[in-house]
Amino acid sequence: MGGLPTSERVNAFAVNPGEPQVMYVGMRSGLYVSKDAGRTWRKVEGELLGVPVAAIAVHPATPELVYLGTPALGILKSADGGKSWRRQR
């Protein structure tokens, strides 16, 4: 599981139902994505850099829709599989 911090606990975990090799992990230090069924992980940069993630949901019929629950920013939505994020009001 290269790429995940070993000193933190996993707060949230989700799998893309359309592509099961794509997985998401939420931790205190941010969101991590694996595209190889968990063998390697990449921290999501950009607007999510360092934002703690408490919950993750992938839409079952439209897996490009990914939702995050964060203590600091509330609910965030991605319509492109996690490449960009928008706050939900």
C-alpha atoms as a PDB file:
ATOM      1  CA  MET A   1       0.000   0.000   0.000  1.00  0.00           C
ATOM      2  CA  GLY A   2       2.691   2.433  -1.023  1.00  0.00           C
ATOM      3  CA  GLY A   3       1.808   6.090  -0.740  1.00  0.00           C
ATOM      4  CA  LEU A   4      -0.535   6.057   2.268  1.00  0.00           C
ATOM      5  CA  PRO A   5       0.704   7.573   5.534  1.00  0.00           C
ATOM      6  CA  THR A   6       1.312   4.808   8.059  1.00  0.00           C
ATOM      7  CA  SER A   7       0.895   7.130  11.051  1.00  0.00           C
ATOM      8  CA  GLU A   8      -2.766   7.954  10.281  1.00  0.00           C
ATOM      9  CA  ARG A   9      -5.982   6.016  10.394  1.00  0.00           C
ATOM     10  CA  VAL A  10      -8.337   5.664   7.456  1.00  0.00           C
ATOM     11  CA  ASN A  11     -11.475   7.764   8.024  1.00  0.00           C
ATOM     12  CA  ALA A  12     -13.291   6.800   4.823  1.00  0.00           C
ATOM     13  CA  PHE A  13     -12.981   4.300   1.970  1.00  0.00           C
ATOM     14  CA  ALA A  14     -14.861   3.928  -1.319  1.00  0.00           C
ATOM     15  CA  VAL A  15     -14.558   1.908  -4.525  1.00  0.00           C
ATOM     16  CA  ASN A  16     -15.664   3.018  -7.972  1.00  0.00           C
ATOM     17  CA  PRO A  17     -18.372   0.445  -8.863  1.00  0.00           C
ATOM     18  CA  GLY A  18     -17.751   0.836 -12.602  1.00  0.00           C
ATOM     19  CA  GLU A  19     -13.965   0.430 -12.246  1.00  0.00           C
ATOM     20  CA  PRO A  20     -13.257  -1.557  -9.059  1.00  0.00           C
ATOM     21  CA  GLN A  21      -9.513  -0.988  -9.390  1.00  0.00           C
ATOM     22  CA  VAL A  22     -10.151   2.724  -8.641  1.00  0.00           C
ATOM     23  CA  MET A  23     -10.300   3.297  -4.874  1.00  0.00           C
ATOM     24  CA  TYR A  24     -10.486   6.342  -2.625  1.00  0.00           C
ATOM     25  CA  VAL A  25      -9.210   6.742   0.943  1.00  0.00           C
ATOM     26  CA  GLY A  26      -9.929   9.723   3.176  1.00  0.00           C
ATOM     27  CA  MET A  27      -7.524  10.587   5.975  1.00  0.00           C
ATOM     28  CA  ARG A  28      -6.753  13.535   8.232  1.00  0.00           C
ATOM     29  CA  SER A  29      -4.083  14.638   5.741  1.00  0.00           C
ATOM     30  CA  GLY A  30      -6.413  14.517   2.728  1.00  0.00           C
ATOM     31  CA  LEU A  31      -7.765  12.335  -0.062  1.00  0.00           C
ATOM     32  CA  TYR A  32      -5.760   9.522  -1.674  1.00  0.00           C
ATOM     33  CA  VAL A  33      -6.601   7.671  -4.902  1.00  0.00           C
ATOM     34  CA  SER A  34      -5.441   4.286  -6.175  1.00  0.00           C
ATOM     35  CA  LYS A  35      -5.946   3.247  -9.785  1.00  0.00           C
ATOM     36  CA  ASP A  36      -4.377  -0.192  -9.344  1.00  0.00           C
ATOM     37  CA  ALA A  37      -6.614  -1.828  -6.718  1.00  0.00           C
ATOM     38  CA  GLY A  38      -4.671  -0.440  -3.766  1.00  0.00           C
ATOM     39  CA  ARG A  39      -1.120  -1.348  -4.718  1.00  0.00           C
ATOM     40  CA  THR A  40      -0.087   2.310  -4.969  1.00  0.00           C
ATOM     41  CA  TRP A  41      -1.743   5.516  -3.750  1.00  0.00           C
ATOM     42  CA  ARG A  42      -1.483   9.148  -4.863  1.00  0.00           C
ATOM     43  CA  LYS A  43      -2.436  12.110  -2.693  1.00  0.00           C
ATOM     44  CA  VAL A  44      -4.919  14.428  -4.397  1.00  0.00           C
ATOM     45  CA  GLU A  45      -3.383  17.886  -4.679  1.00  0.00           C
ATOM     46  CA  GLY A  46      -4.947  21.171  -5.764  1.00  0.00           C
ATOM     47  CA  GLU A  47      -7.957  22.484  -3.899  1.00  0.00           C
ATOM     48  CA  LEU A  48      -8.030  19.453  -1.562  1.00  0.00           C
ATOM     49  CA  LEU A  49      -4.417  19.737  -0.400  1.00  0.00           C
ATOM     50  CA  GLY A  50      -4.393  18.997   3.319  1.00  0.00           C
ATOM     51  CA  VAL A  51      -8.194  18.999   3.758  1.00  0.00           C
ATOM     52  CA  PRO A  52      -9.231  16.252   6.221  1.00  0.00           C
ATOM     53  CA  VAL A  53     -11.722  13.807   4.676  1.00  0.00           C
ATOM     54  CA  ALA A  54     -14.340  12.146   6.891  1.00  0.00           C
ATOM     55  CA  ALA A  55     -16.632  10.499   4.299  1.00  0.00           C
ATOM     56  CA  ILE A  56     -16.525   9.405   0.647  1.00  0.00           C
ATOM     57  CA  ALA A  57     -19.344   8.273  -1.642  1.00  0.00           C
ATOM     58  CA  VAL A  58     -19.191   7.205  -5.286  1.00  0.00           C
ATOM     59  CA  HIS A  59     -22.479   7.341  -7.182  1.00  0.00           C
ATOM     60  CA  PRO A  60     -23.391   3.722  -8.107  1.00  0.00           C
ATOM     61  CA  ALA A  61     -24.891   4.525 -11.532  1.00  0.00           C
ATOM     62  CA  THR A  62     -22.609   7.454 -12.423  1.00  0.00           C
ATOM     63  CA  PRO A  63     -19.195   6.686 -10.902  1.00  0.00           C
ATOM     64  CA  GLU A  64     -17.717   9.971 -12.170  1.00  0.00           C
ATOM     65  CA  LEU A  65     -19.758  11.602  -9.391  1.00  0.00           C
ATOM     66  CA  VAL A  66     -17.758  11.457  -6.176  1.00  0.00           C
ATOM     67  CA  TYR A  67     -18.792  13.165  -2.943  1.00  0.00           C
ATOM     68  CA  LEU A  68     -16.623  14.004   0.057  1.00  0.00           C
ATOM     69  CA  GLY A  69     -17.624  14.977   3.567  1.00  0.00           C
ATOM     70  CA  THR A  70     -15.066  17.247   5.220  1.00  0.00           C
ATOM     71  CA  PRO A  71     -15.106  18.921   8.642  1.00  0.00           C
ATOM     72  CA  ALA A  72     -13.598  22.126   7.260  1.00  0.00           C
ATOM     73  CA  LEU A  73     -15.383  22.615   3.911  1.00  0.00           C
ATOM     74  CA  GLY A  74     -18.609  20.639   4.283  1.00  0.00           C
ATOM     75  CA  ILE A  75     -19.696  18.525   1.311  1.00  0.00           C
ATOM     76  CA  LEU A  76     -17.671  18.586  -1.897  1.00  0.00           C
ATOM     77  CA  LYS A  77     -18.716  17.116  -5.257  1.00  0.00           C
ATOM     78  CA  SER A  78     -16.618  16.002  -8.214  1.00  0.00           C
ATOM     79  CA  ALA A  79     -18.290  15.377 -11.566  1.00  0.00           C
ATOM     80  CA  ASP A  80     -15.064  14.136 -13.190  1.00  0.00           C
ATOM     81  CA  GLY A  81     -13.951  11.268 -10.978  1.00  0.00           C
ATOM     82  CA  GLY A  82     -12.003  13.418  -8.525  1.00  0.00           C
ATOM     83  CA  LYS A  83     -10.048  15.709 -10.855  1.00  0.00           C
ATOM     84  CA  SER A  84     -11.861  18.861  -9.699  1.00  0.00           C
ATOM     85  CA  TRP A  85     -14.162  19.666  -6.758  1.00  0.00           C
ATOM     86  CA  ARG A  86     -16.998  22.085  -5.948  1.00  0.00           C
ATOM     87  CA  ARG A  87     -18.503  22.917  -2.583  1.00  0.00           C
ATOM     88  CA  GLN A  88     -22.157  21.991  -2.249  1.00  0.00           C
ATOM     89  CA  ARG A  89     -24.514  24.471  -0.636  1.00  0.00           C
END
